[in-house]
Amino acid sequence: MIDTATQVHTSTSARRILSFDEAFSVHRKLLGIGVILVIAHLMVMVLKYYFQRDLVYGLVPLFDFYEEHNVPTYFSSLNLLLTAAILFVTARLESVRNPFNTRAWQVLALGFAFMSIDEFADLRHILSRAVHGAAGGKLDMLPFLSVAWTVPVALIVVMLGVYFIPFMMRLERVYLVHFGLAGACFVFATIGLETFEGDHVAITNGVRDLTFTLMVTIEETMEIFSILYFQYFLIKYVRQHYPDMGLRLNY
């Protein structure tokens, strides 16, 4: 996906070409990991709520979607970073074939790279504290704004949505539809469901009950699979427009 398969290099180091069939095979493995993580989360939630076990040798927090710096967080962060890398490669390829779209692909890549950092470093909590500090507590009086970071992020999403309209209109219909659905699912999960979770926590005075856990499960599951959904059609897009490209690995 980054270099032509027919390009010849006079180097003695070993090389290998990652074909598109192999790229889809890797994607299927990522899809399988996503399914395993959802199952693992559901299993530890049964241990937590049915058997009243909060740790179980550390396995419960290790696979709990609500916790940070654990296996699901690590997977999501790396998967977002992988998506950013594919987008940067796509931007490079499009700079020759379709330069009008290059900047949009680059902006998408930067956005996914930032989300990867946020997923691991939890920058949203820092943003929430900054928003609360700037608003002086006034946000608490407004409905559906219990999660402060969603306010500036929602504004950014709206601006980016307007920015990407010409880019989306230049895409083939199949990619317009699937990229749009993937983005809508991710935004709904990240901002919409997160807001409902915040409102629920406010109502229950911070009690993490079964309803809250169900919302978190749906949110994180949608986030994981909307990214994988987007990845699939992104790889398909590159294969359709650049069939002779492959990823050349030097080692």
Protein backbone atom coordinates (compact mmCIF):
# COMPACT_ATOMS: atom_id res chain seq x y z
CA MET A 1 0.00 0.00 0.00
CA ILE A 2 2.94 2.31 0.11
CA ASP A 3 5.23 1.32 -2.74
CA THR A 4 4.82 -0.26 -6.15
CA ALA A 5 5.22 -3.98 -6.23
CA THR A 6 7.23 -3.74 -9.43
CA GLN A 7 9.77 -1.23 -8.14
CA VAL A 8 13.30 -2.67 -8.04
CA HIS A 9 15.87 -1.78 -5.39
CA THR A 10 19.50 -2.85 -5.55
CA SER A 11 19.92 -3.63 -1.89
CA THR A 12 21.14 -6.76 -0.19
CA SER A 13 18.64 -6.50 2.72
CA ALA A 14 15.71 -8.90 2.65
CA ARG A 15 12.36 -7.54 1.47
CA ARG A 16 8.80 -8.72 1.47
CA ILE A 17 5.68 -7.38 -0.20
CA LEU A 18 2.45 -7.22 1.80
CA SER A 19 -0.29 -7.82 -0.79
CA PHE A 20 -3.87 -6.63 -0.50
CA ASP A 21 -5.03 -10.19 0.16
CA GLU A 22 -2.67 -10.27 3.12
CA ALA A 23 -3.86 -6.84 4.21
CA PHE A 24 -7.44 -8.13 4.33
CA SER A 25 -6.19 -11.20 6.21
CA VAL A 26 -4.59 -8.94 8.82
CA HIS A 27 -7.83 -6.98 9.02
CA ARG A 28 -9.78 -10.17 9.68
CA LYS A 29 -7.40 -10.94 12.55
CA LEU A 30 -8.02 -7.46 13.98
CA LEU A 31 -11.74 -8.12 13.66
CA GLY A 32 -11.27 -11.38 15.57
CA ILE A 33 -9.34 -9.59 18.31
CA GLY A 34 -12.18 -7.07 18.59
CA VAL A 35 -14.71 -9.89 19.05
CA ILE A 36 -12.48 -11.54 21.68
CA LEU A 37 -12.18 -8.26 23.60
CA VAL A 38 -15.96 -7.82 23.66
CA ILE A 39 -16.43 -11.39 24.91
CA ALA A 40 -13.70 -10.92 27.54
CA HIS A 41 -15.34 -7.71 28.73
CA LEU A 42 -18.74 -9.40 29.04
CA MET A 43 -17.18 -12.28 30.98
CA VAL A 44 -15.45 -10.03 33.51
CA MET A 45 -18.67 -8.02 33.88
CA VAL A 46 -20.44 -11.25 34.84
CA LEU A 47 -17.70 -11.82 37.43
CA LYS A 48 -18.10 -8.26 38.69
CA TYR A 49 -21.89 -8.00 38.93
CA TYR A 50 -23.10 -11.59 39.32
CA PHE A 51 -20.30 -13.03 41.43
CA GLN A 52 -19.35 -9.70 43.08
CA ARG A 53 -15.67 -10.12 42.21
CA ASP A 54 -13.92 -6.83 41.39
CA LEU A 55 -10.42 -8.13 40.68
CA VAL A 56 -10.02 -11.90 40.06
CA TYR A 57 -6.22 -11.68 39.96
CA GLY A 58 -6.48 -8.39 38.08
CA LEU A 59 -8.43 -9.83 35.12
CA VAL A 60 -11.55 -7.70 35.70
CA PRO A 61 -9.88 -4.28 35.33
CA LEU A 62 -7.59 -5.70 32.63
CA PHE A 63 -10.52 -6.27 30.25
CA ASP A 64 -13.08 -3.79 31.59
CA PHE A 65 -14.04 -1.34 28.81
CA TYR A 66 -14.60 1.43 31.35
CA GLU A 67 -11.08 1.25 32.76
CA GLU A 68 -8.11 3.00 31.18
CA HIS A 69 -4.60 1.72 30.34
CA ASN A 70 -5.66 -1.89 29.88
CA VAL A 71 -5.88 -4.36 26.99
CA PRO A 72 -8.92 -2.82 25.21
CA THR A 73 -7.37 0.66 25.49
CA TYR A 74 -4.06 -0.61 24.12
CA PHE A 75 -5.78 -2.33 21.19
CA SER A 76 -7.92 0.70 20.33
CA SER A 77 -4.96 3.06 20.52
CA LEU A 78 -2.83 0.90 18.21
CA ASN A 79 -5.73 0.33 15.83
CA LEU A 80 -6.37 4.07 15.55
CA LEU A 81 -2.65 4.58 14.91
CA LEU A 82 -2.73 1.90 12.20
CA THR A 83 -5.69 3.65 10.58
CA ALA A 84 -3.77 6.94 10.67
CA ALA A 85 -0.82 5.26 8.94
CA ILE A 86 -3.05 3.88 6.17
CA LEU A 87 -4.59 7.33 5.73
CA PHE A 88 -1.15 8.98 5.44
CA VAL A 89 -0.23 6.43 2.77
CA THR A 90 -3.52 7.09 0.97
CA ALA A 91 -2.84 10.84 1.06
CA ARG A 92 0.59 10.24 -0.49
CA LEU A 93 -0.89 8.13 -3.27
CA GLU A 94 -3.74 10.56 -3.90
CA SER A 95 -1.30 13.46 -4.25
CA VAL A 96 -0.46 12.10 -7.70
CA ARG A 97 -3.78 10.70 -8.91
CA ASN A 98 -6.24 13.08 -7.26
CA PRO A 99 -4.47 16.07 -5.66
CA PHE A 100 -7.77 17.80 -4.79
CA ASN A 101 -8.34 15.16 -2.10
CA THR A 102 -4.82 15.09 -0.66
CA ARG A 103 -5.37 17.65 2.08
CA ALA A 104 -8.57 15.98 3.25
CA TRP A 105 -6.82 12.60 3.55
CA GLN A 106 -4.02 14.28 5.52
CA VAL A 107 -6.49 15.93 7.89
CA LEU A 108 -8.17 12.56 8.43
CA ALA A 109 -4.80 10.96 9.14
CA LEU A 110 -3.87 13.64 11.67
CA GLY A 111 -7.27 13.25 13.32
CA PHE A 112 -6.82 9.51 13.76
CA ALA A 113 -3.28 10.01 15.05
CA PHE A 114 -4.61 12.45 17.65
CA MET A 115 -7.40 10.05 18.63
CA SER A 116 -4.79 7.32 19.08
CA ILE A 117 -2.88 9.52 21.53
CA ASP A 118 -6.09 10.51 23.29
CA GLU A 119 -7.18 6.89 23.65
CA PHE A 120 -3.98 6.02 25.49
CA ALA A 121 -3.27 9.30 27.35
CA ASP A 122 -6.94 10.15 28.08
CA LEU A 123 -6.61 13.77 26.95
CA ARG A 124 -10.39 14.11 27.21
CA HIS A 125 -10.22 14.40 30.99
CA ILE A 126 -7.71 17.22 30.69
CA LEU A 127 -10.01 18.96 28.22
CA SER A 128 -12.99 18.46 30.55
CA ARG A 129 -11.17 20.15 33.42
CA ALA A 130 -10.17 23.02 31.14
CA VAL A 131 -13.75 23.48 29.91
CA HIS A 132 -15.15 23.39 33.45
CA GLY A 133 -12.55 25.92 34.55
CA ALA A 134 -13.35 28.25 31.67
CA ALA A 135 -17.14 27.94 32.14
CA GLY A 136 -17.00 28.44 35.90
CA GLY A 137 -19.40 25.58 36.62
CA LYS A 138 -22.16 26.98 34.38
CA LEU A 139 -22.20 23.83 32.25
CA ASP A 140 -23.67 21.87 35.17
CA MET A 141 -26.91 23.81 34.76
CA LEU A 142 -27.35 22.75 31.13
CA PRO A 143 -28.97 19.43 30.14
CA PHE A 144 -26.96 16.80 28.26
CA LEU A 145 -23.67 18.54 29.03
CA SER A 146 -22.55 16.47 31.99
CA VAL A 147 -19.40 15.41 30.11
CA ALA A 148 -17.66 18.73 29.52
CA TRP A 149 -15.22 17.65 26.82
CA THR A 150 -18.09 16.82 24.46
CA VAL A 151 -18.89 20.53 24.05
CA PRO A 152 -15.72 21.68 22.20
CA VAL A 153 -15.31 18.29 20.52
CA ALA A 154 -18.86 18.45 19.12
CA LEU A 155 -18.12 21.90 17.70
CA ILE A 156 -14.92 20.60 16.09
CA VAL A 157 -16.82 17.63 14.62
CA VAL A 158 -19.41 19.96 13.10
CA MET A 159 -16.70 22.15 11.55
CA LEU A 160 -14.86 19.12 10.21
CA GLY A 161 -18.13 17.73 8.85
CA VAL A 162 -18.65 20.93 6.85
CA TYR A 163 -15.01 20.86 5.71
CA PHE A 164 -15.29 17.27 4.46
CA ILE A 165 -18.51 17.74 2.46
CA PRO A 166 -16.71 18.55 -0.85
CA PHE A 167 -14.27 15.68 -0.24
CA MET A 168 -17.09 13.21 0.41
CA MET A 169 -18.98 14.39 -2.67
CA ARG A 170 -15.94 13.58 -4.83
CA LEU A 171 -15.84 9.98 -3.63
CA GLU A 172 -17.61 7.12 -5.38
CA ARG A 173 -21.02 6.45 -3.89
CA VAL A 174 -19.99 3.20 -2.21
CA TYR A 175 -17.23 4.93 -0.26
CA LEU A 176 -19.38 7.97 0.44
CA VAL A 177 -21.96 5.73 2.07
CA HIS A 178 -19.65 3.43 4.01
CA PHE A 179 -17.19 6.11 5.16
CA GLY A 180 -20.16 8.22 6.23
CA LEU A 181 -21.79 5.37 8.16
CA ALA A 182 -18.53 4.49 9.89
CA GLY A 183 -17.99 8.11 10.90
CA ALA A 184 -21.57 8.56 12.09
CA CYS A 185 -21.41 5.39 14.23
CA PHE A 186 -18.10 6.46 15.77
CA VAL A 187 -19.28 10.00 16.55
CA PHE A 188 -22.58 8.74 18.02
CA ALA A 189 -20.71 6.28 20.25
CA THR A 190 -17.95 8.69 21.28
CA ILE A 191 -20.04 11.80 21.92
CA GLY A 192 -23.68 10.71 22.07
CA LEU A 193 -23.44 7.63 24.27
CA GLU A 194 -20.71 9.21 26.40
CA THR A 195 -23.12 12.08 27.15
CA PHE A 196 -25.90 9.67 28.14
CA GLU A 197 -23.45 7.85 30.39
CA GLY A 198 -22.47 11.12 32.07
CA ASP A 199 -26.13 12.02 32.66
CA HIS A 200 -26.77 8.58 34.12
CA VAL A 201 -23.81 8.89 36.48
CA ALA A 202 -25.10 12.29 37.60
CA ILE A 203 -28.56 10.82 38.32
CA THR A 204 -27.18 7.83 40.25
CA ASN A 205 -24.61 9.95 42.14
CA GLY A 206 -21.67 8.16 40.59
CA VAL A 207 -22.93 4.61 41.11
CA ARG A 208 -21.73 2.35 38.32
CA ASP A 209 -24.77 0.13 37.98
CA LEU A 210 -25.73 -2.47 35.38
CA THR A 211 -27.44 0.10 33.13
CA PHE A 212 -24.30 2.21 33.03
CA THR A 213 -22.17 -0.83 32.25
CA LEU A 214 -24.50 -1.78 29.40
CA MET A 215 -24.15 1.72 27.92
CA VAL A 216 -20.35 1.54 28.21
CA THR A 217 -20.36 -1.88 26.53
CA ILE A 218 -22.43 -0.61 23.61
CA GLU A 219 -20.30 2.55 23.30
CA GLU A 220 -16.94 0.82 23.26
CA THR A 221 -18.17 -1.98 20.98
CA MET A 222 -19.44 0.57 18.48
CA GLU A 223 -16.15 2.47 18.63
CA ILE A 224 -14.05 -0.64 17.99
CA PHE A 225 -16.12 -1.96 15.10
CA SER A 226 -16.82 1.39 13.44
CA ILE A 227 -13.05 1.85 13.11
CA LEU A 228 -12.66 -1.68 11.74
CA TYR A 229 -15.56 -1.01 9.36
CA PHE A 230 -13.85 2.16 8.13
CA GLN A 231 -10.53 0.31 7.78
CA TYR A 232 -12.07 -2.37 5.58
CA PHE A 233 -13.42 0.10 3.03
CA LEU A 234 -10.27 2.20 3.25
CA ILE A 235 -8.17 -0.81 2.24
CA LYS A 236 -10.73 -1.61 -0.44
CA TYR A 237 -10.47 1.98 -1.74
CA VAL A 238 -6.68 1.77 -2.04
CA ARG A 239 -6.84 -1.65 -3.71
CA GLN A 240 -9.38 -0.42 -6.27
CA HIS A 241 -7.45 2.71 -7.24
CA TYR A 242 -3.89 1.44 -6.76
CA PRO A 243 -3.99 -2.30 -7.57
CA ASP A 244 -0.24 -2.47 -8.24
CA MET A 245 0.72 -1.10 -4.83
CA GLY A 246 2.07 -3.12 -1.95
CA LEU A 247 3.74 -2.54 1.37
CA ARG A 248 7.47 -3.23 1.07
CA LEU A 249 9.05 -4.29 4.32
CA ASN A 250 12.80 -3.80 4.79
CA TYR A 251 14.63 -5.75 7.47
